[in-house]
Protein backbone atom coordinates (compact mmCIF):
# COMPACT_ATOMS: atom_id res chain seq x y z
CA MET A 1 91.03 42.26 27.58
CA VAL A 2 90.37 40.38 24.37
CA LEU A 3 88.09 41.93 21.80
CA THR A 4 85.71 39.65 19.99
CA GLY A 5 84.77 40.13 16.37
CA LYS A 6 81.53 41.82 17.43
CA ASP A 7 83.41 44.27 19.69
CA LYS A 8 85.86 45.14 16.92
CA GLU A 9 83.04 45.80 14.49
CA SER A 10 81.32 48.02 17.05
CA LEU A 11 84.51 50.05 17.57
CA ARG A 12 85.06 50.37 13.82
CA HIS A 13 81.48 51.55 13.42
CA LYS A 14 81.97 54.21 16.12
CA PHE A 15 85.14 55.44 14.41
CA ASP A 16 83.51 55.54 10.98
CA THR A 17 80.41 57.28 12.35
CA TYR A 18 82.51 59.93 14.10
CA PHE A 19 84.40 60.85 10.94
CA LYS A 20 81.41 60.73 8.57
CA GLY A 21 80.04 63.86 10.20
CA ASP A 22 77.02 64.67 8.07
CA GLY A 23 75.87 61.09 7.54
CA ASN A 24 77.41 60.61 4.08
CA GLU A 25 77.99 56.96 3.38
CA CYS A 26 81.50 55.75 2.73
CA ALA A 27 82.50 52.62 0.90
CA GLU A 28 84.86 50.45 2.89
CA THR A 29 87.96 48.64 1.79
CA THR A 30 89.99 46.05 3.62
CA ASN A 31 93.65 46.71 4.35
CA HIS A 32 96.38 44.08 4.41
CA GLN A 33 95.52 43.14 8.02
CA GLY A 34 91.89 42.42 7.20
CA ASN A 35 90.57 45.56 8.89
CA SER A 36 88.09 47.71 7.06
CA LYS A 37 88.62 51.42 6.60
CA PRO A 38 86.58 54.11 4.86
CA GLN A 39 87.15 54.94 1.22
CA GLY A 40 85.57 57.76 -0.78
CA LEU A 41 85.39 59.93 2.30
CA PRO A 42 83.14 62.99 2.53
CA GLU A 43 84.71 66.43 2.13
CA LYS A 44 84.34 67.33 5.81
CA LEU A 45 86.57 64.47 6.87
CA PRO A 46 89.94 66.18 6.29
CA GLU A 47 88.67 69.25 8.19
CA LYS A 48 87.76 67.11 11.20
CA ARG A 49 91.11 65.34 11.12
CA GLN A 50 92.98 68.62 10.85
CA ARG A 51 90.94 70.06 13.71
CA LEU A 52 91.79 66.97 15.78
CA ILE A 53 95.53 67.43 15.12
CA ASP A 54 95.25 71.16 15.91
CA ASP A 55 93.50 70.32 19.20
CA ILE A 56 96.30 67.94 20.16
CA ILE A 57 98.97 70.54 19.33
CA GLU A 58 97.06 73.10 21.42
CA LYS A 59 96.81 70.61 24.30
CA ALA A 60 100.57 70.05 24.11
CA LYS A 61 101.20 73.81 24.23
CA LEU A 62 98.95 74.19 27.27
CA ASN A 63 100.90 71.43 29.02
CA GLY A 64 104.19 73.15 28.20
CA ALA A 65 105.26 70.44 25.75
CA LYS A 66 106.10 70.71 22.09
CA LEU A 67 105.22 68.07 19.53
CA SER A 68 107.99 67.41 17.04
CA GLU A 69 107.37 67.23 13.31
CA ASN A 70 107.77 63.46 13.47
CA LYS A 71 105.14 63.12 16.18
CA ILE A 72 102.72 65.26 14.19
CA LYS A 73 103.35 63.10 11.08
CA ILE A 74 102.62 59.98 13.14
CA LEU A 75 99.42 61.50 14.54
CA ARG A 76 98.25 62.43 11.02
CA LEU A 77 98.80 58.88 9.80
CA ILE A 78 96.95 57.46 12.79
CA THR A 79 93.99 59.79 12.22
CA ASP A 80 93.91 58.64 8.58
CA ASP A 81 94.03 54.95 9.55
CA PRO A 82 93.73 53.99 13.23
CA TYR A 83 94.56 50.37 12.33
CA ILE A 84 97.97 51.30 10.89
CA SER A 85 100.96 49.32 12.15
CA ARG A 86 104.24 50.75 13.41
CA SER A 87 106.08 49.31 10.43
CA ASP A 88 103.63 51.01 8.04
CA ILE A 89 104.11 54.29 9.89
CA ALA A 90 107.88 53.87 9.52
CA LYS A 91 107.52 53.29 5.77
CA GLU A 92 105.22 56.29 5.30
CA THR A 93 107.33 58.72 7.35
CA GLY A 94 110.79 57.49 6.39
CA LEU A 95 111.67 57.00 10.06
CA SER A 96 113.14 53.84 11.50
CA GLU A 97 110.77 51.51 13.34
CA THR A 98 112.72 52.25 16.52
CA SER A 99 112.13 56.00 16.10
CA VAL A 100 108.43 55.38 15.50
CA TYR A 101 108.31 53.21 18.63
CA ARG A 102 110.02 55.89 20.75
CA ASN A 103 107.75 58.66 19.44
CA ILE A 104 104.62 56.60 20.04
CA GLU A 105 105.76 55.66 23.55
CA ALA A 106 106.39 59.35 24.31
CA MET A 107 102.83 60.19 23.21
CA ARG A 108 101.15 57.14 24.75
CA GLY A 109 98.88 58.08 27.62
CA LYS A 110 99.01 61.79 26.73
CA TYR A 111 97.77 61.86 23.14
CA LEU A 112 97.51 58.21 22.05
CA ARG A 113 96.05 54.99 23.38
CA ARG A 114 96.14 51.49 21.94
CA VAL A 115 92.78 49.72 22.03
CA GLY A 116 92.85 45.96 21.72
CA PRO A 117 95.80 43.65 21.12
CA ASP A 118 98.95 44.49 19.20
CA LYS A 119 97.67 42.47 16.27
CA GLY A 120 94.12 43.48 15.37
CA GLY A 121 93.80 46.47 17.69
CA PHE A 122 93.74 50.13 16.76
CA TRP A 123 95.05 53.51 17.87
CA GLU A 124 92.80 56.04 19.54
CA ILE A 125 93.59 59.74 19.75
CA ILE A 126 93.10 61.23 23.22
CA ILE A 127 92.11 64.87 23.44
């Protein structure tokens, strides 16, 4: 499936709307890949992201699995910027790109899903 520019904008809008919570407007900036992301986020945003991470950790416990510190770091970065690349995750966490790849593959289908192509797509958290 190939996403058109209109589809990508629609998905970005859904993401931004979800995290705005109370309708506060956010300015947007463009990252190095040309994707826009919110800037000047409302105060409730970190609470929602933390709640999302807590929900994933709880889901893992219910399934009898344990999320490592590295996986939690990766999930936090993805909730901050769903358009983040694996190499950027590696730089932010201090892990090798291979370790990031292995951790993402272990979480894929359970907690993470890639929407769109490798270049231009984004990560979606599955609860």
